């Protein structure tokens, strides 16, 4: 990823075909050592390709990737699934209210 980032920085800066030496100098300027094998592979895969077109193709592919949050369980479902009834949820709510009232510690933000 660091090699690709350096390549993109160089192309955005006007160097349409950065060499391995160019990329190594960018990475070394910020204290990162370049991996020659990965760098050579990246350059061979990008050789003769337009970076702007690759970015637009990648963006269209990312548009089809779902990015919702369907993996989490609802908070009330966790208490019900554990075998507890409404009482534990009520106790938790009372504790939350008590904690919230103690948060101001007797003075307001603008006192």
PDB file of N, CA and C in Angstrom:
ATOM      1  N   UNK A   1       0.819  -1.188   0.000  1.00  0.00           N
ATOM      2  CA  UNK A   1       0.000   0.000   0.000  1.00  0.00           C
ATOM      3  C   UNK A   1       0.873   1.266   0.000  1.00  0.00           C
ATOM      4  N   UNK A   2       1.965   1.220   0.756  1.00  0.00           N
ATOM      5  CA  UNK A   2       2.830   2.394   0.820  1.00  0.00           C
ATOM      6  C   UNK A   2       3.472   2.679  -0.535  1.00  0.00           C
ATOM      7  N   UNK A   3       3.764   1.613  -1.274  1.00  0.00           N
ATOM      8  CA  UNK A   3       4.358   1.788  -2.600  1.00  0.00           C
ATOM      9  C   UNK A   3       3.351   2.424  -3.555  1.00  0.00           C
ATOM     10  N   UNK A   4       2.116   1.961  -3.468  1.00  0.00           N
ATOM     11  CA  UNK A   4       1.059   2.509  -4.312  1.00  0.00           C
ATOM     12  C   UNK A   4       0.793   3.972  -3.965  1.00  0.00           C
ATOM     13  N   UNK A   5       0.805   4.285  -2.683  1.00  0.00           N
ATOM     14  CA  UNK A   5       0.581   5.669  -2.259  1.00  0.00           C
ATOM     15  C   UNK A   5       1.672   6.586  -2.800  1.00  0.00           C
ATOM     16  N   UNK A   6       2.913   6.132  -2.735  1.00  0.00           N
ATOM     17  CA  UNK A   6       4.015   6.932  -3.273  1.00  0.00           C
ATOM     18  C   UNK A   6       3.884   7.079  -4.784  1.00  0.00           C
ATOM     19  N   UNK A   7       3.475   6.007  -5.470  1.00  0.00           N
ATOM     20  CA  UNK A   7       3.280   6.052  -6.920  1.00  0.00           C
ATOM     21  C   UNK A   7       2.208   7.077  -7.275  1.00  0.00           C
ATOM     22  N   UNK A   8       1.098   7.042  -6.531  1.00  0.00           N
ATOM     23  CA  UNK A   8       0.008   7.983  -6.795  1.00  0.00           C
ATOM     24  C   UNK A   8       0.415   9.423  -6.512  1.00  0.00           C
ATOM     25  N   UNK A   9       1.174   9.629  -5.456  1.00  0.00           N
ATOM     26  CA  UNK A   9       1.663  10.977  -5.162  1.00  0.00           C
ATOM     27  C   UNK A   9       2.532  11.510  -6.296  1.00  0.00           C
ATOM     28  N   UNK A  10       3.387  10.653  -6.803  1.00  0.00           N
ATOM     29  CA  UNK A  10       4.262  11.074  -7.897  1.00  0.00           C
ATOM     30  C   UNK A  10       3.468  11.376  -9.165  1.00  0.00           C
ATOM     31  N   UNK A  11       2.453  10.543  -9.463  1.00  0.00           N
ATOM     32  CA  UNK A  11       1.659  10.802 -10.673  1.00  0.00           C
ATOM     33  C   UNK A  11       0.826  12.058 -10.526  1.00  0.00           C
ATOM     34  N   UNK A  12       0.301  12.286  -9.332  1.00  0.00           N
ATOM     35  CA  UNK A  12      -0.465  13.511  -9.106  1.00  0.00           C
ATOM     36  C   UNK A  12       0.434  14.743  -9.165  1.00  0.00           C
ATOM     37  N   UNK A  13       1.709  14.561  -8.861  1.00  0.00           N
ATOM     38  CA  UNK A  13       2.672  15.647  -8.924  1.00  0.00           C
ATOM     39  C   UNK A  13       3.197  15.925 -10.318  1.00  0.00           C
ATOM     40  N   UNK A  14       2.759  15.122 -11.300  1.00  0.00           N
ATOM     41  CA  UNK A  14       3.159  15.379 -12.674  1.00  0.00           C
ATOM     42  C   UNK A  14       4.050  14.338 -13.305  1.00  0.00           C
ATOM     43  N   UNK A  15       4.568  13.405 -12.539  1.00  0.00           N
ATOM     44  CA  UNK A  15       5.417  12.341 -13.078  1.00  0.00           C
ATOM     45  C   UNK A  15       4.500  11.223 -13.571  1.00  0.00           C
ATOM     46  N   UNK A  16       4.266  11.151 -14.890  1.00  0.00           N
ATOM     47  CA  UNK A  16       3.303  10.196 -15.437  1.00  0.00           C
ATOM     48  C   UNK A  16       3.777   8.753 -15.376  1.00  0.00           C
ATOM     49  N   UNK A  17       5.072   8.536 -15.267  1.00  0.00           N
ATOM     50  CA  UNK A  17       5.608   7.181 -15.222  1.00  0.00           C
ATOM     51  C   UNK A  17       6.750   7.109 -14.199  1.00  0.00           C
ATOM     52  N   UNK A  18       6.409   7.061 -12.909  1.00  0.00           N
ATOM     53  CA  UNK A  18       7.449   7.025 -11.875  1.00  0.00           C
ATOM     54  C   UNK A  18       8.270   5.741 -11.952  1.00  0.00           C
ATOM     55  N   UNK A  19       9.533   5.875 -11.719  1.00  0.00           N
ATOM     56  CA  UNK A  19      10.429   4.713 -11.705  1.00  0.00           C
ATOM     57  C   UNK A  19      10.555   4.187 -10.278  1.00  0.00           C
ATOM     58  N   UNK A  20      11.179   3.034 -10.141  1.00  0.00           N
ATOM     59  CA  UNK A  20      11.416   2.453  -8.820  1.00  0.00           C
ATOM     60  C   UNK A  20      12.270   3.391  -7.977  1.00  0.00           C
ATOM     61  N   UNK A  21      13.222   4.039  -8.610  1.00  0.00           N
ATOM     62  CA  UNK A  21      14.096   4.982  -7.905  1.00  0.00           C
ATOM     63  C   UNK A  21      13.294   6.166  -7.363  1.00  0.00           C
ATOM     64  N   UNK A  22      12.347   6.665  -8.169  1.00  0.00           N
ATOM     65  CA  UNK A  22      11.499   7.784  -7.732  1.00  0.00           C
ATOM     66  C   UNK A  22      10.677   7.387  -6.502  1.00  0.00           C
ATOM     67  N   UNK A  23      10.088   6.211  -6.566  1.00  0.00           N
ATOM     68  CA  UNK A  23       9.238   5.749  -5.468  1.00  0.00           C
ATOM     69  C   UNK A  23      10.067   5.514  -4.217  1.00  0.00           C
ATOM     70  N   UNK A  24      11.250   4.917  -4.379  1.00  0.00           N
ATOM     71  CA  UNK A  24      12.133   4.688  -3.226  1.00  0.00           C
ATOM     72  C   UNK A  24      12.535   6.005  -2.579  1.00  0.00           C
ATOM     73  N   UNK A  25      12.787   7.029  -3.387  1.00  0.00           N
ATOM     74  CA  UNK A  25      13.198   8.316  -2.811  1.00  0.00           C
ATOM     75  C   UNK A  25      12.054   8.965  -2.043  1.00  0.00           C
ATOM     76  N   UNK A  26      10.832   8.812  -2.528  1.00  0.00           N
ATOM     77  CA  UNK A  26       9.677   9.359  -1.790  1.00  0.00           C
ATOM     78  C   UNK A  26       9.527   8.639  -0.456  1.00  0.00           C
ATOM     79  N   UNK A  27       9.598   7.319  -0.483  1.00  0.00           N
ATOM     80  CA  UNK A  27       9.443   6.556   0.756  1.00  0.00           C
ATOM     81  C   UNK A  27      10.582   6.829   1.733  1.00  0.00           C
ATOM     82  N   UNK A  28      11.794   6.906   1.245  1.00  0.00           N
ATOM     83  CA  UNK A  28      12.939   7.169   2.123  1.00  0.00           C
ATOM     84  C   UNK A  28      12.895   8.571   2.717  1.00  0.00           C
ATOM     85  N   UNK A  29      12.241   9.504   2.020  1.00  0.00           N
ATOM     86  CA  UNK A  29      12.146  10.868   2.550  1.00  0.00           C
ATOM     87  C   UNK A  29      11.315  10.939   3.823  1.00  0.00           C
ATOM     88  N   UNK A  30      10.486   9.923   4.050  1.00  0.00           N
ATOM     89  CA  UNK A  30       9.685   9.891   5.275  1.00  0.00           C
ATOM     90  C   UNK A  30      10.092   8.736   6.187  1.00  0.00           C
ATOM     91  N   UNK A  31      11.272   8.158   5.902  1.00  0.00           N
ATOM     92  CA  UNK A  31      11.821   7.134   6.785  1.00  0.00           C
ATOM     93  C   UNK A  31      11.271   5.739   6.581  1.00  0.00           C
ATOM     94  N   UNK A  32      10.743   5.435   5.394  1.00  0.00           N
ATOM     95  CA  UNK A  32      10.214   4.105   5.114  1.00  0.00           C
ATOM     96  C   UNK A  32      11.124   3.407   4.121  1.00  0.00           C
ATOM     97  N   UNK A  33      11.430   2.159   4.417  1.00  0.00           N
ATOM     98  CA  UNK A  33      12.270   1.374   3.514  1.00  0.00           C
ATOM     99  C   UNK A  33      11.389   0.671   2.492  1.00  0.00           C
ATOM    100  N   UNK A  34      11.727   0.781   1.235  1.00  0.00           N
ATOM    101  CA  UNK A  34      10.944   0.176   0.160  1.00  0.00           C
ATOM    102  C   UNK A  34      11.294  -1.298   0.015  1.00  0.00           C
ATOM    103  N   UNK A  35      10.288  -2.113  -0.260  1.00  0.00           N
ATOM    104  CA  UNK A  35      10.474  -3.533  -0.540  1.00  0.00           C
ATOM    105  C   UNK A  35      10.601  -3.686  -2.052  1.00  0.00           C
ATOM    106  N   UNK A  36      11.785  -4.048  -2.524  1.00  0.00           N
ATOM    107  CA  UNK A  36      12.072  -4.096  -3.963  1.00  0.00           C
ATOM    108  C   UNK A  36      11.164  -5.066  -4.713  1.00  0.00           C
ATOM    109  N   UNK A  37      10.881  -6.224  -4.121  1.00  0.00           N
ATOM    110  CA  UNK A  37      10.033  -7.211  -4.801  1.00  0.00           C
ATOM    111  C   UNK A  37       8.626  -6.666  -5.026  1.00  0.00           C
ATOM    112  N   UNK A  38       8.043  -6.115  -3.985  1.00  0.00           N
ATOM    113  CA  UNK A  38       6.684  -5.559  -4.110  1.00  0.00           C
ATOM    114  C   UNK A  38       6.663  -4.360  -5.043  1.00  0.00           C
ATOM    115  N   UNK A  39       7.686  -3.565  -4.967  1.00  0.00           N
ATOM    116  CA  UNK A  39       7.765  -2.379  -5.815  1.00  0.00           C
ATOM    117  C   UNK A  39       7.852  -2.770  -7.287  1.00  0.00           C
ATOM    118  N   UNK A  40       8.685  -3.752  -7.587  1.00  0.00           N
ATOM    119  CA  UNK A  40       8.803  -4.214  -8.973  1.00  0.00           C
ATOM    120  C   UNK A  40       7.504  -4.833  -9.475  1.00  0.00           C
ATOM    121  N   UNK A  41       6.813  -5.572  -8.615  1.00  0.00           N
ATOM    122  CA  UNK A  41       5.530  -6.163  -9.004  1.00  0.00           C
ATOM    123  C   UNK A  41       4.507  -5.067  -9.289  1.00  0.00           C
ATOM    124  N   UNK A  42       4.455  -4.068  -8.421  1.00  0.00           N
ATOM    125  CA  UNK A  42       3.525  -2.954  -8.622  1.00  0.00           C
ATOM    126  C   UNK A  42       3.798  -2.249  -9.941  1.00  0.00           C
ATOM    127  N   UNK A  43       5.055  -1.952 -10.201  1.00  0.00           N
ATOM    128  CA  UNK A  43       5.412  -1.248 -11.434  1.00  0.00           C
ATOM    129  C   UNK A  43       5.095  -2.078 -12.673  1.00  0.00           C
ATOM    130  N   UNK A  44       5.279  -3.382 -12.592  1.00  0.00           N
ATOM    131  CA  UNK A  44       4.969  -4.229 -13.748  1.00  0.00           C
ATOM    132  C   UNK A  44       3.464  -4.291 -14.003  1.00  0.00           C
ATOM    133  N   UNK A  45       2.668  -4.259 -12.937  1.00  0.00           N
ATOM    134  CA  UNK A  45       1.216  -4.300 -13.094  1.00  0.00           C
ATOM    135  C   UNK A  45       0.645  -2.962 -13.573  1.00  0.00           C
ATOM    136  N   UNK A  46       1.302  -1.870 -13.239  1.00  0.00           N
ATOM    137  CA  UNK A  46       0.805  -0.547 -13.628  1.00  0.00           C
ATOM    138  C   UNK A  46       1.418  -0.028 -14.927  1.00  0.00           C
ATOM    139  N   UNK A  47       2.385  -0.740 -15.467  1.00  0.00           N
ATOM    140  CA  UNK A  47       3.088  -0.277 -16.665  1.00  0.00           C
ATOM    141  C   UNK A  47       2.108  -0.114 -17.840  1.00  0.00           C
ATOM    142  N   UNK A  48       2.104   1.092 -18.420  1.00  0.00           N
ATOM    143  CA  UNK A  48       1.275   1.377 -19.585  1.00  0.00           C
ATOM    144  C   UNK A  48      -0.187   1.636 -19.283  1.00  0.00           C
ATOM    145  N   UNK A  49      -0.543   1.749 -18.018  1.00  0.00           N
ATOM    146  CA  UNK A  49      -1.947   1.986 -17.647  1.00  0.00           C
ATOM    147  C   UNK A  49      -2.127   3.413 -17.157  1.00  0.00           C
ATOM    148  N   UNK A  50      -3.307   3.951 -17.415  1.00  0.00           N
ATOM    149  CA  UNK A  50      -3.650   5.296 -16.976  1.00  0.00           C
ATOM    150  C   UNK A  50      -4.183   5.236 -15.543  1.00  0.00           C
ATOM    151  N   UNK A  51      -3.524   5.937 -14.634  1.00  0.00           N
ATOM    152  CA  UNK A  51      -3.893   5.902 -13.219  1.00  0.00           C
ATOM    153  C   UNK A  51      -5.308   6.430 -13.000  1.00  0.00           C
ATOM    154  N   UNK A  52      -5.684   7.500 -13.698  1.00  0.00           N
ATOM    155  CA  UNK A  52      -7.022   8.055 -13.514  1.00  0.00           C
ATOM    156  C   UNK A  52      -8.106   7.063 -13.923  1.00  0.00           C
ATOM    157  N   UNK A  53      -7.866   6.304 -14.976  1.00  0.00           N
ATOM    158  CA  UNK A  53      -8.838   5.306 -15.407  1.00  0.00           C
ATOM    159  C   UNK A  53      -8.904   4.163 -14.399  1.00  0.00           C
ATOM    160  N   UNK A  54      -7.767   3.755 -13.869  1.00  0.00           N
ATOM    161  CA  UNK A  54      -7.755   2.704 -12.850  1.00  0.00           C
ATOM    162  C   UNK A  54      -8.534   3.121 -11.608  1.00  0.00           C
ATOM    163  N   UNK A  55      -8.392   4.376 -11.218  1.00  0.00           N
ATOM    164  CA  UNK A  55      -9.118   4.881 -10.049  1.00  0.00           C
ATOM    165  C   UNK A  55     -10.622   4.882 -10.306  1.00  0.00           C
ATOM    166  N   UNK A  56     -11.039   5.322 -11.496  1.00  0.00           N
ATOM    167  CA  UNK A  56     -12.476   5.350 -11.792  1.00  0.00           C
ATOM    168  C   UNK A  56     -13.048   3.934 -11.880  1.00  0.00           C
ATOM    169  N   UNK A  57     -12.288   2.990 -12.444  1.00  0.00           N
ATOM    170  CA  UNK A  57     -12.736   1.597 -12.481  1.00  0.00           C
ATOM    171  C   UNK A  57     -12.850   1.028 -11.069  1.00  0.00           C
ATOM    172  N   UNK A  58     -11.885   1.330 -10.226  1.00  0.00           N
ATOM    173  CA  UNK A  58     -11.923   0.860  -8.847  1.00  0.00           C
ATOM    174  C   UNK A  58     -13.072   1.451  -8.067  1.00  0.00           C
ATOM    175  N   UNK A  59     -13.373   2.720  -8.327  1.00  0.00           N
ATOM    176  CA  UNK A  59     -14.489   3.369  -7.638  1.00  0.00           C
ATOM    177  C   UNK A  59     -15.815   2.722  -8.010  1.00  0.00           C
ATOM    178  N   UNK A  60     -15.981   2.367  -9.285  1.00  0.00           N
ATOM    179  CA  UNK A  60     -17.231   1.726  -9.696  1.00  0.00           C
ATOM    180  C   UNK A  60     -17.354   0.339  -9.081  1.00  0.00           C
ATOM    181  N   UNK A  61     -16.227  -0.357  -8.889  1.00  0.00           N
ATOM    182  CA  UNK A  61     -16.272  -1.662  -8.230  1.00  0.00           C
ATOM    183  C   UNK A  61     -16.616  -1.521  -6.751  1.00  0.00           C
ATOM    184  N   UNK A  62     -16.084  -0.490  -6.098  1.00  0.00           N
ATOM    185  CA  UNK A  62     -16.372  -0.272  -4.683  1.00  0.00           C
ATOM    186  C   UNK A  62     -17.821   0.130  -4.441  1.00  0.00           C
ATOM    187  N   UNK A  63     -18.456   0.731  -5.438  1.00  0.00           N
ATOM    188  CA  UNK A  63     -19.839   1.152  -5.284  1.00  0.00           C
ATOM    189  C   UNK A  63     -20.764  -0.035  -5.065  1.00  0.00           C
ATOM    190  N   UNK A  64     -20.371  -1.219  -5.536  1.00  0.00           N
ATOM    191  CA  UNK A  64     -21.217  -2.394  -5.380  1.00  0.00           C
ATOM    192  C   UNK A  64     -20.964  -3.144  -4.068  1.00  0.00           C
ATOM    193  N   UNK A  65     -20.003  -2.706  -3.281  1.00  0.00           N
ATOM    194  CA  UNK A  65     -19.691  -3.360  -2.016  1.00  0.00           C
ATOM    195  C   UNK A  65     -20.629  -2.842  -0.937  1.00  0.00           C
ATOM    196  N   UNK A  66     -21.331  -3.745  -0.233  1.00  0.00           N
ATOM    197  CA  UNK A  66     -22.223  -3.292   0.833  1.00  0.00           C
ATOM    198  C   UNK A  66     -21.434  -2.709   1.992  1.00  0.00           C
ATOM    199  N   UNK A  67     -21.944  -1.627   2.546  1.00  0.00           N
ATOM    200  CA  UNK A  67     -21.234  -0.981   3.653  1.00  0.00           C
ATOM    201  C   UNK A  67     -22.157  -0.673   4.813  1.00  0.00           C
ATOM    202  N   UNK A  68     -23.185  -1.477   4.991  1.00  0.00           N
ATOM    203  CA  UNK A  68     -24.129  -1.272   6.087  1.00  0.00           C
ATOM    204  C   UNK A  68     -23.627  -1.899   7.363  1.00  0.00           C
ATOM    205  N   UNK A  69     -24.344  -1.683   8.423  1.00  0.00           N
ATOM    206  CA  UNK A  69     -23.976  -2.230   9.728  1.00  0.00           C
ATOM    207  C   UNK A  69     -24.935  -3.313  10.153  1.00  0.00           C
ATOM    208  N   UNK A  70     -25.039  -4.384   9.405  1.00  0.00           N
ATOM    209  CA  UNK A  70     -26.010  -5.429   9.695  1.00  0.00           C
ATOM    210  C   UNK A  70     -25.486  -6.483  10.652  1.00  0.00           C
ATOM    211  N   UNK A  71     -24.299  -6.340  11.186  1.00  0.00           N
ATOM    212  CA  UNK A  71     -23.722  -7.399  12.002  1.00  0.00           C
ATOM    213  C   UNK A  71     -24.010  -7.307  13.483  1.00  0.00           C
ATOM    214  N   UNK A  72     -24.446  -6.175  13.985  1.00  0.00           N
ATOM    215  CA  UNK A  72     -24.628  -6.014  15.427  1.00  0.00           C
ATOM    216  C   UNK A  72     -25.978  -6.470  15.919  1.00  0.00           C
ATOM    217  N   UNK A  73     -26.024  -6.922  17.158  1.00  0.00           N
ATOM    218  CA  UNK A  73     -27.289  -7.319  17.775  1.00  0.00           C
ATOM    219  C   UNK A  73     -27.822  -6.150  18.586  1.00  0.00           C
ATOM    220  N   UNK A  74     -29.132  -5.988  18.640  1.00  0.00           N
ATOM    221  CA  UNK A  74     -29.693  -4.896  19.440  1.00  0.00           C
ATOM    222  C   UNK A  74     -29.417  -5.105  20.929  1.00  0.00           C
ATOM    223  N   UNK A  75     -29.304  -4.039  21.665  1.00  0.00           N
ATOM    224  CA  UNK A  75     -28.954  -4.107  23.079  1.00  0.00           C
ATOM    225  C   UNK A  75     -30.005  -4.858  23.884  1.00  0.00           C
ATOM    226  N   UNK A  76     -31.271  -4.632  23.611  1.00  0.00           N
ATOM    227  CA  UNK A  76     -32.340  -5.312  24.350  1.00  0.00           C
ATOM    228  C   UNK A  76     -32.353  -6.791  24.023  1.00  0.00           C
ATOM    229  N   UNK A  77     -31.990  -7.149  22.815  1.00  0.00           N
ATOM    230  CA  UNK A  77     -31.967  -8.548  22.415  1.00  0.00           C
ATOM    231  C   UNK A  77     -30.948  -9.335  23.198  1.00  0.00           C
ATOM    232  N   UNK A  78     -29.851  -8.728  23.559  1.00  0.00           N
ATOM    233  CA  UNK A  78     -28.826  -9.410  24.330  1.00  0.00           C
ATOM    234  C   UNK A  78     -29.319  -9.787  25.710  1.00  0.00           C
ATOM    235  N   UNK A  79     -30.077  -8.918  26.371  1.00  0.00           N
ATOM    236  CA  UNK A  79     -30.606  -9.212  27.697  1.00  0.00           C
ATOM    237  C   UNK A  79     -31.681 -10.276  27.608  1.00  0.00           C
ATOM    238  N   UNK A  80     -32.531 -10.216  26.594  1.00  0.00           N
ATOM    239  CA  UNK A  80     -33.596 -11.193  26.450  1.00  0.00           C
ATOM    240  C   UNK A  80     -33.021 -12.558  26.098  1.00  0.00           C
ATOM    241  N   UNK A  81     -31.999 -12.604  25.318  1.00  0.00           N
ATOM    242  CA  UNK A  81     -31.405 -13.871  24.918  1.00  0.00           C
ATOM    243  C   UNK A  81     -30.685 -14.542  26.074  1.00  0.00           C
ATOM    244  N   UNK A  82     -30.240 -13.778  27.047  1.00  0.00           N
ATOM    245  CA  UNK A  82     -29.515 -14.359  28.168  1.00  0.00           C
ATOM    246  C   UNK A  82     -30.440 -14.965  29.211  1.00  0.00           C
ATOM    247  N   UNK A  83     -31.726 -14.901  29.002  1.00  0.00           N
ATOM    248  CA  UNK A  83     -32.659 -15.510  29.924  1.00  0.00           C
ATOM    249  C   UNK A  83     -33.214 -14.536  30.935  1.00  0.00           C
ATOM    250  N   UNK A  84     -32.704 -13.341  30.977  1.00  0.00           N
ATOM    251  CA  UNK A  84     -33.210 -12.343  31.892  1.00  0.00           C
ATOM    252  C   UNK A  84     -34.468 -11.717  31.337  1.00  0.00           C
ATOM    253  N   UNK A  85     -35.337 -11.262  32.206  1.00  0.00           N
ATOM    254  CA  UNK A  85     -36.567 -10.634  31.758  1.00  0.00           C
ATOM    255  C   UNK A  85     -36.400  -9.145  31.662  1.00  0.00           C
ATOM    256  N   UNK A  86     -37.479  -8.431  31.886  1.00  0.00           N
ATOM    257  CA  UNK A  86     -37.474  -6.980  31.803  1.00  0.00           C
ATOM    258  C   UNK A  86     -36.829  -6.353  33.042  1.00  0.00           C
ATOM    259  N   UNK A  87     -36.781  -7.100  34.138  1.00  0.00           N
ATOM    260  CA  UNK A  87     -36.231  -6.538  35.371  1.00  0.00           C
ATOM    261  C   UNK A  87     -34.766  -6.135  35.254  1.00  0.00           C
ATOM    262  N   UNK A  88     -33.885  -6.978  34.706  1.00  0.00           N
ATOM    263  CA  UNK A  88     -32.487  -6.541  34.583  1.00  0.00           C
ATOM    264  C   UNK A  88     -32.339  -5.309  33.705  1.00  0.00           C
ATOM    265  N   UNK A  89     -33.143  -5.216  32.656  1.00  0.00           N
ATOM    266  CA  UNK A  89     -33.071  -4.046  31.784  1.00  0.00           C
ATOM    267  C   UNK A  89     -33.508  -2.806  32.543  1.00  0.00           C
ATOM    268  N   UNK A  90     -34.523  -2.937  33.403  1.00  0.00           N
ATOM    269  CA  UNK A  90     -34.993  -1.805  34.191  1.00  0.00           C
ATOM    270  C   UNK A  90     -33.926  -1.380  35.200  1.00  0.00           C
ATOM    271  N   UNK A  91     -33.245  -2.360  35.809  1.00  0.00           N
ATOM    272  CA  UNK A  91     -32.195  -2.029  36.766  1.00  0.00           C
ATOM    273  C   UNK A  91     -31.047  -1.304  36.078  1.00  0.00           C
ATOM    274  N   UNK A  92     -30.701  -1.765  34.885  1.00  0.00           N
ATOM    275  CA  UNK A  92     -29.631  -1.105  34.140  1.00  0.00           C
ATOM    276  C   UNK A  92     -30.012   0.326  33.802  1.00  0.00           C
ATOM    277  N   UNK A  93     -31.271   0.538  33.462  1.00  0.00           N
ATOM    278  CA  UNK A  93     -31.721   1.879  33.102  1.00  0.00           C
ATOM    279  C   UNK A  93     -31.644   2.807  34.312  1.00  0.00           C
ATOM    280  N   UNK A  94     -32.032   2.300  35.504  1.00  0.00           N
ATOM    281  CA  UNK A  94     -31.953   3.113  36.712  1.00  0.00           C
ATOM    282  C   UNK A  94     -30.504   3.483  37.014  1.00  0.00           C
ATOM    283  N   UNK A  95     -29.586   2.526  36.835  1.00  0.00           N
ATOM    284  CA  UNK A  95     -28.176   2.811  37.078  1.00  0.00           C
ATOM    285  C   UNK A  95     -27.652   3.856  36.102  1.00  0.00           C
ATOM    286  N   UNK A  96     -28.086   3.781  34.836  1.00  0.00           N
ATOM    287  CA  UNK A  96     -27.661   4.763  33.852  1.00  0.00           C
ATOM    288  C   UNK A  96     -28.143   6.155  34.231  1.00  0.00           C
ATOM    289  N   UNK A  97     -29.407   6.245  34.682  1.00  0.00           N
ATOM    290  CA  UNK A  97     -29.946   7.553  35.073  1.00  0.00           C
ATOM    291  C   UNK A  97     -29.176   8.117  36.251  1.00  0.00           C
ATOM    292  N   UNK A  98     -28.825   7.266  37.205  1.00  0.00           N
ATOM    293  CA  UNK A  98     -28.069   7.710  38.368  1.00  0.00           C
ATOM    294  C   UNK A  98     -26.692   8.214  37.942  1.00  0.00           C
ATOM    295  N   UNK A  99     -26.029   7.480  37.059  1.00  0.00           N
ATOM    296  CA  UNK A  99     -24.712   7.894  36.589  1.00  0.00           C
ATOM    297  C   UNK A  99     -24.781   9.213  35.846  1.00  0.00           C
ATOM    298  N   UNK A 100     -25.831   9.399  35.036  1.00  0.00           N
ATOM    299  CA  UNK A 100     -25.965  10.631  34.280  1.00  0.00           C
ATOM    300  C   UNK A 100     -26.180  11.826  35.208  1.00  0.00           C
ATOM    301  N   UNK A 101     -26.917  11.633  36.275  1.00  0.00           N
ATOM    302  CA  UNK A 101     -27.167  12.748  37.176  1.00  0.00           C
ATOM    303  C   UNK A 101     -25.907  13.123  37.950  1.00  0.00           C
ATOM    304  N   UNK A 102     -25.009  12.189  38.153  1.00  0.00           N
ATOM    305  CA  UNK A 102     -23.760  12.464  38.859  1.00  0.00           C
ATOM    306  C   UNK A 102     -22.715  13.098  37.954  1.00  0.00           C
ATOM    307  N   UNK A 103     -22.945  13.087  36.642  1.00  0.00           N
ATOM    308  CA  UNK A 103     -21.940  13.581  35.702  1.00  0.00           C
ATOM    309  C   UNK A 103     -21.647  15.071  35.871  1.00  0.00           C
ATOM    310  N   UNK A 104     -22.667  15.888  36.209  1.00  0.00           N
ATOM    311  CA  UNK A 104     -22.430  17.325  36.296  1.00  0.00           C
ATOM    312  C   UNK A 104     -21.733  17.724  37.582  1.00  0.00           C
ATOM    313  N   UNK A 105     -21.695  16.875  38.590  1.00  0.00           N
ATOM    314  CA  UNK A 105     -20.994  17.074  39.855  1.00  0.00           C
ATOM    315  C   UNK A 105     -21.374  18.384  40.538  1.00  0.00           C
ATOM    316  N   UNK A 106     -22.606  18.825  40.347  1.00  0.00           N
ATOM    317  CA  UNK A 106     -23.081  19.986  41.061  1.00  0.00           C
ATOM    318  C   UNK A 106     -22.843  21.323  40.404  1.00  0.00           C
ATOM    319  N   UNK A 107     -22.235  21.358  39.256  1.00  0.00           N
ATOM    320  CA  UNK A 107     -22.039  22.637  38.578  1.00  0.00           C
ATOM    321  C   UNK A 107     -22.240  22.450  37.085  1.00  0.00           C
ATOM    322  N   UNK A 108     -22.631  23.519  36.433  1.00  0.00           N
ATOM    323  CA  UNK A 108     -22.892  23.483  35.011  1.00  0.00           C
ATOM    324  C   UNK A 108     -21.654  23.853  34.212  1.00  0.00           C
ATOM    325  N   UNK A 109     -21.755  23.697  32.947  1.00  0.00           N
ATOM    326  CA  UNK A 109     -20.642  23.972  32.050  1.00  0.00           C
ATOM    327  C   UNK A 109     -20.277  25.450  32.025  1.00  0.00           C
ATOM    328  N   UNK A 110     -21.277  26.327  32.147  1.00  0.00           N
ATOM    329  CA  UNK A 110     -21.036  27.764  32.028  1.00  0.00           C
ATOM    330  C   UNK A 110     -21.190  28.522  33.343  1.00  0.00           C
ATOM    331  N   UNK A 111     -21.010  27.855  34.466  1.00  0.00           N
ATOM    332  CA  UNK A 111     -21.128  28.533  35.775  1.00  0.00           C
ATOM    333  C   UNK A 111     -19.894  29.312  36.099  1.00  0.00           C
TER     334      UNK A 111
END
